[in-house]
Amino acid sequence: MGKDKKAETDASSEEEYVVEKVLNKKIVKGKTQYLLKWKGYKEEESTWEPVENLDCEELIRAFEDSRKEKEAQKTKKTEERSKKRTHESSEETSSKGRGTSVSSVEETKETKKDRVKGRRTSLSSVEDTKEAKKEKKDEKNKSGFDRGLKAEKIIGASDATGELMFLVKWADSDEAELVPAKVANTKCPQQVIAFYEERLTWHNPSESE
């Protein structure tokens, strides 16, 4: 094989090989070769022939045109797939952008909530501080009896405020406190009696005579 359509038909009646179709193309060492399907032979018996040995320009042209068309279609499909991927990527990015925007809005709402909570906590702290101060003041205004202290003795009395007050010395303490007489009479009657007895002066009539 290896001979083209132009194979000689000399006196010896050599067998003539006719190219039926060009199947493929390749370049070997810079030279172009075509895979030829021979008329009357199976496709498995096709052979690679150098272009310079061929005389089937129309078949080669038809093969090249078909090849170019296939390449163009392939390129077009590739471009379409590329555009589709780019479009999908853009939509995804846009969707992510919207998601981020929604997320930002949610975060802003959360931040505002946190600020409100912060203000509430701050107000609550102020209220707690006021309450603590009030409790301290109330504690300070409480008498020793209210604080659970016991009277040791009464060491003095005063009516400077318009009300009789006893100066009570507390047990187990160096502290003394003015307590209304009516409270002392109820809370520590024995100490009140002892105070009066210490200051009571008995008058003996016989001594005056």
N, C-alpha and C. Protein backbone atom coordinates (compact mmCIF):
# COMPACT_ATOMS: atom_id res chain seq x y z
N MET A 1 0.85 -1.17 0.00
CA MET A 1 0.00 0.00 0.00
C MET A 1 0.89 1.22 0.00
N GLY A 2 0.36 2.43 0.31
CA GLY A 2 1.21 3.60 0.27
C GLY A 2 1.13 4.30 -1.04
N LYS A 3 0.34 3.78 -1.93
CA LYS A 3 0.19 4.44 -3.23
C LYS A 3 -1.16 5.10 -3.30
N ASP A 4 -1.25 6.20 -4.05
CA ASP A 4 -2.48 6.98 -4.12
C ASP A 4 -3.31 6.60 -5.33
N LYS A 5 -4.31 7.51 -5.51
CA LYS A 5 -5.23 7.30 -6.62
C LYS A 5 -4.51 7.27 -7.95
N LYS A 6 -3.31 7.85 -7.95
CA LYS A 6 -2.57 7.98 -9.19
C LYS A 6 -1.68 6.76 -9.44
N ALA A 7 -1.97 5.71 -8.76
CA ALA A 7 -1.14 4.51 -8.92
C ALA A 7 -1.17 4.04 -10.37
N GLU A 8 -0.03 3.63 -10.78
CA GLU A 8 0.08 3.26 -12.19
C GLU A 8 -0.73 1.99 -12.52
N THR A 9 -1.26 2.00 -13.69
CA THR A 9 -1.95 0.80 -14.22
C THR A 9 -1.21 0.40 -15.49
N ASP A 10 -0.02 -0.12 -15.29
CA ASP A 10 0.83 -0.45 -16.44
C ASP A 10 0.46 -1.81 -17.02
N ALA A 11 1.30 -2.24 -17.84
CA ALA A 11 1.03 -3.46 -18.58
C ALA A 11 0.89 -4.65 -17.67
N SER A 12 1.54 -4.59 -16.50
CA SER A 12 1.48 -5.74 -15.59
C SER A 12 0.19 -5.75 -14.79
N SER A 13 -0.67 -4.70 -15.07
CA SER A 13 -1.98 -4.60 -14.39
C SER A 13 -1.83 -4.59 -12.87
N GLU A 14 -0.95 -3.67 -12.38
CA GLU A 14 -0.81 -3.54 -10.92
C GLU A 14 -2.14 -3.13 -10.31
N GLU A 15 -2.37 -3.58 -9.07
CA GLU A 15 -3.62 -3.26 -8.37
C GLU A 15 -3.64 -1.78 -8.04
N GLU A 16 -4.74 -1.12 -8.34
CA GLU A 16 -4.87 0.33 -8.10
C GLU A 16 -5.59 0.56 -6.78
N TYR A 17 -5.00 1.43 -5.91
CA TYR A 17 -5.60 1.78 -4.63
C TYR A 17 -6.28 3.13 -4.75
N VAL A 18 -7.55 3.18 -4.39
CA VAL A 18 -8.33 4.41 -4.49
C VAL A 18 -8.71 4.88 -3.08
N VAL A 19 -8.43 6.15 -2.79
CA VAL A 19 -8.77 6.73 -1.48
C VAL A 19 -10.27 6.99 -1.41
N GLU A 20 -10.90 6.41 -0.37
CA GLU A 20 -12.34 6.60 -0.20
C GLU A 20 -12.64 7.78 0.74
N LYS A 21 -11.80 7.91 1.79
CA LYS A 21 -12.08 8.93 2.79
C LYS A 21 -10.83 9.24 3.61
N VAL A 22 -10.70 10.50 4.02
CA VAL A 22 -9.61 10.89 4.93
C VAL A 22 -10.17 10.86 6.35
N LEU A 23 -9.55 10.06 7.22
CA LEU A 23 -10.08 9.85 8.57
C LEU A 23 -9.44 10.75 9.63
N ASN A 24 -8.14 11.00 9.48
CA ASN A 24 -7.45 11.75 10.54
C ASN A 24 -6.20 12.41 9.99
N LYS A 25 -5.56 13.17 10.85
CA LYS A 25 -4.38 13.91 10.43
C LYS A 25 -3.38 13.97 11.59
N LYS A 26 -2.08 13.93 11.26
CA LYS A 26 -1.06 14.09 12.29
C LYS A 26 0.19 14.69 11.66
N ILE A 27 1.05 15.23 12.49
CA ILE A 27 2.31 15.80 12.00
C ILE A 27 3.46 15.06 12.66
N VAL A 28 4.31 14.46 11.85
CA VAL A 28 5.45 13.69 12.34
C VAL A 28 6.73 14.34 11.82
N LYS A 29 7.56 14.80 12.76
CA LYS A 29 8.82 15.46 12.42
C LYS A 29 8.62 16.61 11.44
N GLY A 30 7.55 17.37 11.68
CA GLY A 30 7.27 18.54 10.85
C GLY A 30 6.57 18.23 9.54
N LYS A 31 6.30 16.96 9.28
CA LYS A 31 5.64 16.58 8.03
C LYS A 31 4.23 16.09 8.31
N THR A 32 3.29 16.54 7.46
CA THR A 32 1.88 16.20 7.64
C THR A 32 1.57 14.84 7.03
N GLN A 33 0.80 14.06 7.80
CA GLN A 33 0.35 12.75 7.31
C GLN A 33 -1.15 12.65 7.54
N TYR A 34 -1.81 11.92 6.62
CA TYR A 34 -3.25 11.71 6.73
C TYR A 34 -3.53 10.22 6.84
N LEU A 35 -4.55 9.90 7.65
CA LEU A 35 -4.98 8.51 7.77
C LEU A 35 -6.05 8.26 6.70
N LEU A 36 -5.76 7.36 5.79
CA LEU A 36 -6.63 7.14 4.63
C LEU A 36 -7.41 5.85 4.73
N LYS A 37 -8.72 5.93 4.40
CA LYS A 37 -9.57 4.75 4.27
C LYS A 37 -9.61 4.39 2.79
N TRP A 38 -9.13 3.18 2.50
CA TRP A 38 -9.03 2.75 1.09
C TRP A 38 -10.33 2.09 0.64
N LYS A 39 -10.70 2.42 -0.57
CA LYS A 39 -11.93 1.87 -1.15
C LYS A 39 -11.77 0.36 -1.34
N GLY A 40 -12.76 -0.39 -0.83
CA GLY A 40 -12.71 -1.84 -0.96
C GLY A 40 -12.01 -2.52 0.20
N TYR A 41 -11.52 -1.71 1.15
CA TYR A 41 -10.82 -2.28 2.32
C TYR A 41 -11.52 -1.83 3.61
N LYS A 42 -11.34 -2.64 4.64
CA LYS A 42 -11.94 -2.31 5.93
C LYS A 42 -11.22 -1.10 6.55
N GLU A 43 -11.94 -0.45 7.47
CA GLU A 43 -11.37 0.74 8.11
C GLU A 43 -10.14 0.39 8.95
N GLU A 44 -10.12 -0.86 9.47
CA GLU A 44 -8.97 -1.30 10.25
C GLU A 44 -7.69 -1.36 9.42
N GLU A 45 -7.87 -1.42 8.09
CA GLU A 45 -6.71 -1.52 7.20
C GLU A 45 -6.26 -0.15 6.67
N SER A 46 -6.82 0.92 7.25
CA SER A 46 -6.43 2.28 6.85
C SER A 46 -4.96 2.51 7.19
N THR A 47 -4.32 3.36 6.38
CA THR A 47 -2.88 3.62 6.59
C THR A 47 -2.59 5.11 6.61
N TRP A 48 -1.46 5.46 7.29
CA TRP A 48 -1.00 6.84 7.32
C TRP A 48 -0.10 7.08 6.12
N GLU A 49 -0.42 8.14 5.36
CA GLU A 49 0.37 8.45 4.17
C GLU A 49 0.80 9.92 4.20
N PRO A 50 2.05 10.22 3.77
CA PRO A 50 2.51 11.61 3.71
C PRO A 50 1.73 12.39 2.66
N VAL A 51 1.47 13.66 2.97
CA VAL A 51 0.63 14.48 2.10
C VAL A 51 1.21 14.63 0.69
N GLU A 52 2.56 14.62 0.59
CA GLU A 52 3.17 14.82 -0.73
C GLU A 52 2.94 13.64 -1.68
N ASN A 53 2.54 12.49 -1.13
CA ASN A 53 2.30 11.31 -1.97
C ASN A 53 0.85 11.20 -2.41
N LEU A 54 0.02 12.13 -1.96
CA LEU A 54 -1.42 12.00 -2.21
C LEU A 54 -1.89 12.87 -3.38
N ASP A 55 -2.92 12.36 -4.02
CA ASP A 55 -3.54 13.11 -5.12
C ASP A 55 -5.06 13.05 -4.94
N CYS A 56 -5.49 13.56 -3.76
CA CYS A 56 -6.93 13.56 -3.44
C CYS A 56 -7.26 14.86 -2.72
N GLU A 57 -7.00 15.96 -3.39
CA GLU A 57 -7.15 17.28 -2.79
C GLU A 57 -8.58 17.55 -2.30
N GLU A 58 -9.57 17.08 -3.06
CA GLU A 58 -10.96 17.33 -2.66
C GLU A 58 -11.30 16.64 -1.34
N LEU A 59 -10.82 15.38 -1.21
CA LEU A 59 -11.08 14.64 0.03
C LEU A 59 -10.36 15.28 1.22
N ILE A 60 -9.13 15.74 0.97
CA ILE A 60 -8.36 16.41 2.03
C ILE A 60 -9.04 17.71 2.44
N ARG A 61 -9.53 18.48 1.40
CA ARG A 61 -10.20 19.75 1.68
C ARG A 61 -11.48 19.51 2.49
N ALA A 62 -12.23 18.46 2.09
CA ALA A 62 -13.46 18.13 2.80
C ALA A 62 -13.16 17.75 4.26
N PHE A 63 -12.07 16.99 4.45
CA PHE A 63 -11.67 16.61 5.80
C PHE A 63 -11.29 17.84 6.63
N GLU A 64 -10.49 18.74 6.03
CA GLU A 64 -10.04 19.94 6.74
C GLU A 64 -11.22 20.84 7.09
N ASP A 65 -12.18 20.99 6.15
CA ASP A 65 -13.37 21.81 6.42
C ASP A 65 -14.17 21.24 7.58
N SER A 66 -14.35 19.91 7.52
CA SER A 66 -15.10 19.24 8.58
C SER A 66 -14.39 19.39 9.92
N ARG A 67 -13.06 19.27 9.86
CA ARG A 67 -12.25 19.39 11.08
C ARG A 67 -12.35 20.80 11.68
N LYS A 68 -12.28 21.82 10.79
CA LYS A 68 -12.39 23.21 11.24
C LYS A 68 -13.76 23.48 11.86
N GLU A 69 -14.79 22.91 11.22
CA GLU A 69 -16.15 23.10 11.71
C GLU A 69 -16.31 22.48 13.11
N LYS A 70 -15.73 21.27 13.26
CA LYS A 70 -15.78 20.62 14.57
C LYS A 70 -15.04 21.43 15.63
N GLU A 71 -13.87 21.97 15.23
CA GLU A 71 -13.07 22.79 16.15
C GLU A 71 -13.84 24.05 16.56
N ALA A 72 -14.53 24.65 15.55
CA ALA A 72 -15.30 25.87 15.82
C ALA A 72 -16.44 25.58 16.80
N GLN A 73 -17.13 24.44 16.56
CA GLN A 73 -18.23 24.06 17.45
C GLN A 73 -17.72 23.78 18.87
N LYS A 74 -16.56 23.11 18.91
CA LYS A 74 -15.94 22.79 20.19
C LYS A 74 -15.58 24.07 20.95
N THR A 75 -14.98 25.02 20.20
CA THR A 75 -14.60 26.31 20.80
C THR A 75 -15.83 27.07 21.29
N LYS A 76 -16.90 27.03 20.47
CA LYS A 76 -18.14 27.72 20.82
C LYS A 76 -18.74 27.14 22.10
N LYS A 77 -18.74 25.80 22.17
CA LYS A 77 -19.28 25.14 23.37
C LYS A 77 -18.46 25.49 24.60
N THR A 78 -17.13 25.52 24.39
CA THR A 78 -16.23 25.86 25.51
C THR A 78 -16.51 27.28 26.01
N GLU A 79 -16.70 28.22 25.04
CA GLU A 79 -16.98 29.61 25.40
C GLU A 79 -18.32 29.72 26.13
N GLU A 80 -19.32 28.95 25.63
CA GLU A 80 -20.64 28.99 26.26
C GLU A 80 -20.57 28.47 27.69
N ARG A 81 -19.82 27.36 27.86
CA ARG A 81 -19.67 26.81 29.21
C ARG A 81 -18.95 27.80 30.13
N SER A 82 -17.93 28.48 29.55
CA SER A 82 -17.17 29.46 30.31
C SER A 82 -18.06 30.63 30.73
N LYS A 83 -18.89 31.11 29.76
CA LYS A 83 -19.81 32.22 30.06
C LYS A 83 -20.82 31.82 31.12
N LYS A 84 -21.30 30.56 31.00
CA LYS A 84 -22.29 30.06 31.95
C LYS A 84 -21.70 30.01 33.36
N ARG A 85 -20.45 29.50 33.43
CA ARG A 85 -19.79 29.43 34.73
C ARG A 85 -19.58 30.83 35.32
N THR A 86 -19.18 31.77 34.44
CA THR A 86 -18.96 33.15 34.88
C THR A 86 -20.25 33.77 35.40
N HIS A 87 -21.36 33.51 34.65
CA HIS A 87 -22.67 34.03 35.04
C HIS A 87 -23.11 33.46 36.38
N GLU A 88 -22.95 32.13 36.52
CA GLU A 88 -23.32 31.47 37.78
C GLU A 88 -22.49 32.00 38.93
N SER A 89 -21.19 32.20 38.65
CA SER A 89 -20.29 32.72 39.68
C SER A 89 -20.71 34.12 40.11
N SER A 90 -21.12 34.95 39.10
CA SER A 90 -21.56 36.32 39.39
C SER A 90 -22.82 36.30 40.25
N GLU A 91 -23.77 35.39 39.88
CA GLU A 91 -25.00 35.29 40.65
C GLU A 91 -24.73 34.85 42.08
N GLU A 92 -23.79 33.89 42.20
CA GLU A 92 -23.44 33.39 43.54
C GLU A 92 -22.82 34.50 44.37
N THR A 93 -21.92 35.27 43.72
CA THR A 93 -21.27 36.38 44.42
C THR A 93 -22.30 37.43 44.84
N SER A 94 -23.25 37.71 43.91
CA SER A 94 -24.31 38.67 44.21
C SER A 94 -25.16 38.18 45.37
N SER A 95 -25.47 36.87 45.32
CA SER A 95 -26.26 36.26 46.40
C SER A 95 -25.53 36.36 47.72
N LYS A 96 -24.20 36.10 47.67
CA LYS A 96 -23.40 36.21 48.89
C LYS A 96 -23.41 37.64 49.40
N GLY A 97 -23.37 38.59 48.42
CA GLY A 97 -23.38 40.01 48.78
C GLY A 97 -24.66 40.37 49.51
N ARG A 98 -25.80 39.85 48.98
CA ARG A 98 -27.07 40.10 49.63
C ARG A 98 -27.11 39.45 51.00
N GLY A 99 -26.55 38.23 51.06
CA GLY A 99 -26.48 37.52 52.34
C GLY A 99 -25.67 38.31 53.35
N THR A 100 -24.56 38.86 52.88
CA THR A 100 -23.70 39.65 53.77
C THR A 100 -24.43 40.90 54.23
N SER A 101 -25.19 41.51 53.28
CA SER A 101 -25.94 42.71 53.62
C SER A 101 -26.99 42.41 54.68
N VAL A 102 -27.73 41.30 54.48
CA VAL A 102 -28.74 40.88 55.45
C VAL A 102 -28.08 40.59 56.79
N SER A 103 -26.93 39.90 56.70
CA SER A 103 -26.17 39.57 57.91
C SER A 103 -25.76 40.84 58.64
N SER A 104 -25.32 41.85 57.87
CA SER A 104 -24.90 43.12 58.47
C SER A 104 -26.06 43.80 59.18
N VAL A 105 -27.25 43.74 58.54
CA VAL A 105 -28.45 44.34 59.15
C VAL A 105 -28.77 43.63 60.46
N GLU A 106 -28.69 42.27 60.40
CA GLU A 106 -28.96 41.49 61.61
C GLU A 106 -27.97 41.83 62.71
N GLU A 107 -26.68 41.95 62.31
CA GLU A 107 -25.65 42.29 63.29
C GLU A 107 -25.91 43.67 63.89
N THR A 108 -26.36 44.62 63.04
CA THR A 108 -26.67 45.97 63.52
C THR A 108 -27.81 45.91 64.54
N LYS A 109 -28.84 45.09 64.22
CA LYS A 109 -29.96 44.93 65.15
C LYS A 109 -29.48 44.36 66.48
N GLU A 110 -28.62 43.33 66.36
CA GLU A 110 -28.08 42.71 67.58
C GLU A 110 -27.28 43.72 68.40
N THR A 111 -26.49 44.55 67.67
CA THR A 111 -25.67 45.56 68.36
C THR A 111 -26.57 46.54 69.11
N LYS A 112 -27.67 46.96 68.44
CA LYS A 112 -28.61 47.88 69.08
C LYS A 112 -29.23 47.23 70.32
N LYS A 113 -29.58 45.93 70.17
CA LYS A 113 -30.15 45.22 71.32
C LYS A 113 -29.16 45.19 72.47
N ASP A 114 -27.90 44.91 72.11
CA ASP A 114 -26.85 44.87 73.14
C ASP A 114 -26.71 46.22 73.82
N ARG A 115 -26.81 47.30 73.01
CA ARG A 115 -26.71 48.64 73.59
C ARG A 115 -27.85 48.91 74.56
N VAL A 116 -29.07 48.50 74.14
CA VAL A 116 -30.24 48.68 75.01
C VAL A 116 -30.04 47.88 76.29
N LYS A 117 -29.54 46.62 76.12
CA LYS A 117 -29.27 45.79 77.29
C LYS A 117 -28.24 46.46 78.19
N GLY A 118 -27.22 47.06 77.53
CA GLY A 118 -26.17 47.74 78.27
C GLY A 118 -26.73 48.89 79.08
N ARG A 119 -27.63 49.68 78.43
CA ARG A 119 -28.25 50.81 79.14
C ARG A 119 -29.10 50.31 80.30
N ARG A 120 -29.84 49.21 80.02
CA ARG A 120 -30.68 48.65 81.09
C ARG A 120 -29.82 48.18 82.26
N THR A 121 -28.72 47.51 81.91
CA THR A 121 -27.80 47.03 82.95
C THR A 121 -27.24 48.19 83.74
N SER A 122 -26.88 49.28 82.98
CA SER A 122 -26.33 50.47 83.62
C SER A 122 -27.35 51.09 84.57
N LEU A 123 -28.60 51.21 84.10
CA LEU A 123 -29.66 51.77 84.93
C LEU A 123 -29.89 50.89 86.15
N SER A 124 -29.85 49.56 85.90
CA SER A 124 -30.03 48.61 86.99
C SER A 124 -28.94 48.78 88.04
N SER A 125 -27.70 48.99 87.56
CA SER A 125 -26.57 49.19 88.47
C SER A 125 -26.75 50.45 89.31
N VAL A 126 -27.25 51.52 88.64
CA VAL A 126 -27.50 52.78 89.35
C VAL A 126 -28.56 52.57 90.43
N GLU A 127 -29.63 51.82 90.04
CA GLU A 127 -30.70 51.55 91.00
C GLU A 127 -30.17 50.74 92.18
N ASP A 128 -29.32 49.74 91.85
CA ASP A 128 -28.74 48.91 92.91
C ASP A 128 -27.89 49.76 93.86
N THR A 129 -27.13 50.69 93.28
CA THR A 129 -26.28 51.57 94.10
C THR A 129 -27.13 52.45 95.01
N LYS A 130 -28.21 53.01 94.43
CA LYS A 130 -29.12 53.84 95.23
C LYS A 130 -29.73 53.03 96.36
N GLU A 131 -30.14 51.79 96.00
CA GLU A 131 -30.76 50.91 96.99
C GLU A 131 -29.79 50.59 98.12
N ALA A 132 -28.52 50.34 97.72
CA ALA A 132 -27.49 50.02 98.72
C ALA A 132 -27.26 51.21 99.66
N LYS A 133 -27.20 52.42 99.07
CA LYS A 133 -27.01 53.63 99.88
C LYS A 133 -28.18 53.83 100.84
N LYS A 134 -29.38 53.57 100.31
CA LYS A 134 -30.58 53.73 101.13
C LYS A 134 -30.56 52.75 102.30
N GLU A 135 -30.13 51.50 101.98
CA GLU A 135 -30.07 50.48 103.03
C GLU A 135 -29.05 50.87 104.10
N LYS A 136 -27.89 51.42 103.63
CA LYS A 136 -26.86 51.86 104.58
C LYS A 136 -27.40 52.98 105.47
N LYS A 137 -28.14 53.92 104.82
CA LYS A 137 -28.70 55.05 105.56
C LYS A 137 -29.72 54.56 106.58
N ASP A 138 -30.57 53.61 106.12
CA ASP A 138 -31.58 53.04 107.02
C ASP A 138 -30.91 52.31 108.18
N GLU A 139 -29.82 51.59 107.83
CA GLU A 139 -29.07 50.85 108.85
C GLU A 139 -28.48 51.81 109.88
N LYS A 140 -28.00 52.95 109.35
CA LYS A 140 -27.39 53.96 110.22
C LYS A 140 -28.43 54.58 111.13
N ASN A 141 -29.66 54.76 110.59
CA ASN A 141 -30.74 55.38 111.36
C ASN A 141 -31.36 54.42 112.38
N LYS A 142 -31.06 53.15 112.25
CA LYS A 142 -31.61 52.17 113.18
C LYS A 142 -30.93 52.32 114.54
N SER A 143 -31.72 52.11 115.59
CA SER A 143 -31.15 52.17 116.94
C SER A 143 -30.42 50.86 117.25
N GLY A 144 -29.67 50.87 118.35
CA GLY A 144 -28.96 49.66 118.74
C GLY A 144 -29.91 48.50 118.97
N PHE A 145 -31.09 48.81 119.52
CA PHE A 145 -32.09 47.75 119.75
C PHE A 145 -32.50 47.11 118.42
N ASP A 146 -32.71 47.97 117.37
CA ASP A 146 -33.09 47.46 116.05
C ASP A 146 -31.98 46.60 115.45
N ARG A 147 -30.73 46.90 115.85
CA ARG A 147 -29.59 46.15 115.32
C ARG A 147 -29.26 44.93 116.17
N GLY A 148 -30.10 44.67 117.18
CA GLY A 148 -29.91 43.48 118.00
C GLY A 148 -28.96 43.66 119.16
N LEU A 149 -28.58 44.91 119.49
CA LEU A 149 -27.66 45.15 120.61
C LEU A 149 -28.43 45.14 121.94
N LYS A 150 -27.68 44.84 123.01
CA LYS A 150 -28.28 44.80 124.35
C LYS A 150 -27.75 45.96 125.19
N ALA A 151 -28.66 46.57 125.95
CA ALA A 151 -28.27 47.71 126.79
C ALA A 151 -27.53 47.21 128.03
N GLU A 152 -26.37 47.82 128.28
CA GLU A 152 -25.60 47.47 129.50
C GLU A 152 -26.08 48.33 130.67
N LYS A 153 -26.16 49.64 130.39
CA LYS A 153 -26.67 50.56 131.42
C LYS A 153 -26.98 51.91 130.78
N ILE A 154 -27.71 52.72 131.51
CA ILE A 154 -28.02 54.08 131.07
C ILE A 154 -27.07 55.01 131.81
N ILE A 155 -26.34 55.81 131.04
CA ILE A 155 -25.32 56.66 131.66
C ILE A 155 -25.68 58.14 131.66
N GLY A 156 -26.86 58.47 131.13
CA GLY A 156 -27.25 59.87 131.13
C GLY A 156 -28.64 60.05 130.56
N ALA A 157 -29.15 61.29 130.67
CA ALA A 157 -30.47 61.60 130.14
C ALA A 157 -30.46 63.03 129.62
N SER A 158 -31.38 63.32 128.65
CA SER A 158 -31.45 64.66 128.07
C SER A 158 -32.84 64.89 127.52
N ASP A 159 -33.31 66.15 127.64
CA ASP A 159 -34.58 66.52 127.02
C ASP A 159 -34.39 67.72 126.11
N ALA A 160 -33.17 67.84 125.53
CA ALA A 160 -32.83 68.98 124.67
C ALA A 160 -33.69 69.03 123.42
N THR A 161 -34.15 67.91 122.99
CA THR A 161 -34.97 67.85 121.76
C THR A 161 -36.45 68.03 122.06
N GLY A 162 -36.78 68.21 123.34
CA GLY A 162 -38.18 68.33 123.73
C GLY A 162 -38.76 66.99 124.12
N GLU A 163 -37.98 65.96 123.98
CA GLU A 163 -38.41 64.61 124.35
C GLU A 163 -37.32 64.01 125.23
N LEU A 164 -37.73 63.34 126.31
CA LEU A 164 -36.76 62.73 127.21
C LEU A 164 -36.03 61.60 126.50
N MET A 165 -34.70 61.70 126.47
CA MET A 165 -33.87 60.68 125.82
C MET A 165 -32.88 60.13 126.84
N PHE A 166 -32.63 58.83 126.80
CA PHE A 166 -31.63 58.20 127.65
C PHE A 166 -30.39 57.89 126.82
N LEU A 167 -29.21 58.15 127.41
CA LEU A 167 -27.96 57.80 126.75
C LEU A 167 -27.61 56.37 127.19
N VAL A 168 -27.81 55.44 126.26
CA VAL A 168 -27.65 54.01 126.57
C VAL A 168 -26.27 53.54 126.17
N LYS A 169 -25.58 52.87 127.12
CA LYS A 169 -24.29 52.24 126.83
C LYS A 169 -24.58 50.78 126.47
N TRP A 170 -24.08 50.38 125.28
CA TRP A 170 -24.37 49.03 124.79
C TRP A 170 -23.39 48.01 125.36
N ALA A 171 -23.88 46.81 125.60
CA ALA A 171 -23.04 45.73 126.14
C ALA A 171 -22.02 45.29 125.09
N ASP A 172 -20.84 44.89 125.56
CA ASP A 172 -19.76 44.41 124.68
C ASP A 172 -19.37 45.45 123.63
N SER A 173 -19.54 46.73 123.96
CA SER A 173 -19.20 47.79 123.01
C SER A 173 -18.91 49.08 123.76
N ASP A 174 -18.07 49.91 123.17
CA ASP A 174 -17.79 51.23 123.76
C ASP A 174 -18.78 52.26 123.26
N GLU A 175 -19.69 51.82 122.44
CA GLU A 175 -20.65 52.73 121.80
C GLU A 175 -21.79 53.07 122.75
N ALA A 176 -22.22 54.34 122.70
CA ALA A 176 -23.38 54.81 123.48
C ALA A 176 -24.30 55.55 122.52
N GLU A 177 -25.59 55.50 122.81
CA GLU A 177 -26.56 56.08 121.87
C GLU A 177 -27.75 56.65 122.62
N LEU A 178 -28.24 57.81 122.12
CA LEU A 178 -29.45 58.41 122.69
C LEU A 178 -30.67 57.66 122.18
N VAL A 179 -31.47 57.17 123.11
CA VAL A 179 -32.66 56.39 122.76
C VAL A 179 -33.85 57.03 123.46
N PRO A 180 -34.99 57.19 122.76
CA PRO A 180 -36.18 57.76 123.40
C PRO A 180 -36.53 56.99 124.68
N ALA A 181 -36.94 57.73 125.71
CA ALA A 181 -37.24 57.13 127.02
C ALA A 181 -38.32 56.06 126.90
N LYS A 182 -39.33 56.31 126.05
CA LYS A 182 -40.42 55.34 125.92
C LYS A 182 -39.93 54.02 125.34
N VAL A 183 -38.89 54.10 124.45
CA VAL A 183 -38.31 52.88 123.89
C VAL A 183 -37.49 52.16 124.95
N ALA A 184 -36.71 52.94 125.70
CA ALA A 184 -35.87 52.35 126.75
C ALA A 184 -36.72 51.69 127.83
N ASN A 185 -37.86 52.33 128.18
CA ASN A 185 -38.76 51.77 129.20
C ASN A 185 -39.27 50.39 128.79
N THR A 186 -39.43 50.20 127.47
CA THR A 186 -39.93 48.92 126.96
C THR A 186 -38.80 47.90 126.80
N LYS A 187 -37.67 48.37 126.22
CA LYS A 187 -36.59 47.46 125.86
C LYS A 187 -35.66 47.10 127.04
N CYS A 188 -35.45 48.08 127.94
CA CYS A 188 -34.53 47.80 129.06
C CYS A 188 -35.04 48.45 130.35
N PRO A 189 -36.19 48.01 130.83
CA PRO A 189 -36.78 48.63 132.03
C PRO A 189 -35.88 48.55 133.26
N GLN A 190 -35.13 47.44 133.40
CA GLN A 190 -34.26 47.28 134.58
C GLN A 190 -33.18 48.35 134.61
N GLN A 191 -32.59 48.66 133.44
CA GLN A 191 -31.55 49.67 133.35
C GLN A 191 -32.12 51.07 133.65
N VAL A 192 -33.38 51.30 133.24
CA VAL A 192 -34.04 52.58 133.51
C VAL A 192 -34.23 52.76 135.03
N ILE A 193 -34.71 51.69 135.68
CA ILE A 193 -34.92 51.74 137.14
C ILE A 193 -33.60 51.97 137.86
N ALA A 194 -32.56 51.25 137.40
CA ALA A 194 -31.23 51.39 138.02
C ALA A 194 -30.72 52.82 137.87
N PHE A 195 -30.98 53.42 136.70
CA PHE A 195 -30.54 54.81 136.46
C PHE A 195 -31.20 55.75 137.44
N TYR A 196 -32.53 55.59 137.63
CA TYR A 196 -33.27 56.47 138.55
C TYR A 196 -32.82 56.25 139.99
N GLU A 197 -32.60 54.98 140.36
CA GLU A 197 -32.20 54.66 141.72
C GLU A 197 -30.85 55.30 142.07
N GLU A 198 -29.94 55.31 141.09
CA GLU A 198 -28.62 55.90 141.33
C GLU A 198 -28.71 57.39 141.62
N ARG A 199 -29.73 58.03 141.04
CA ARG A 199 -29.85 59.48 141.17
C ARG A 199 -30.94 59.91 142.17
N LEU A 200 -31.58 58.93 142.74
CA LEU A 200 -32.67 59.24 143.67
C LEU A 200 -32.10 59.61 145.06
N THR A 201 -32.53 60.74 145.59
CA THR A 201 -32.08 61.19 146.92
C THR A 201 -33.26 61.09 147.88
N TRP A 202 -33.09 60.29 148.91
CA TRP A 202 -34.17 60.14 149.90
C TRP A 202 -34.07 61.25 150.94
N HIS A 203 -35.21 61.85 151.25
CA HIS A 203 -35.24 62.94 152.25
C HIS A 203 -35.70 62.36 153.61
N ASN A 204 -34.88 62.52 154.64
CA ASN A 204 -35.22 62.01 155.97
C ASN A 204 -35.78 63.18 156.81
N PRO A 205 -37.07 63.13 157.20
CA PRO A 205 -37.70 64.23 157.96
C PRO A 205 -37.01 64.50 159.30
N SER A 206 -36.51 63.44 159.95
CA SER A 206 -35.89 63.60 161.26
C SER A 206 -34.62 64.43 161.18
N GLU A 207 -33.94 64.34 160.05
CA GLU A 207 -32.70 65.10 159.88
C GLU A 207 -32.99 66.58 159.75
N SER A 208 -34.15 66.91 159.18
CA SER A 208 -34.49 68.32 159.00
C SER A 208 -34.87 68.98 160.30
N GLU A 209 -35.37 68.18 161.29
CA GLU A 209 -35.74 68.72 162.58
C GLU A 209 -34.50 69.02 163.39
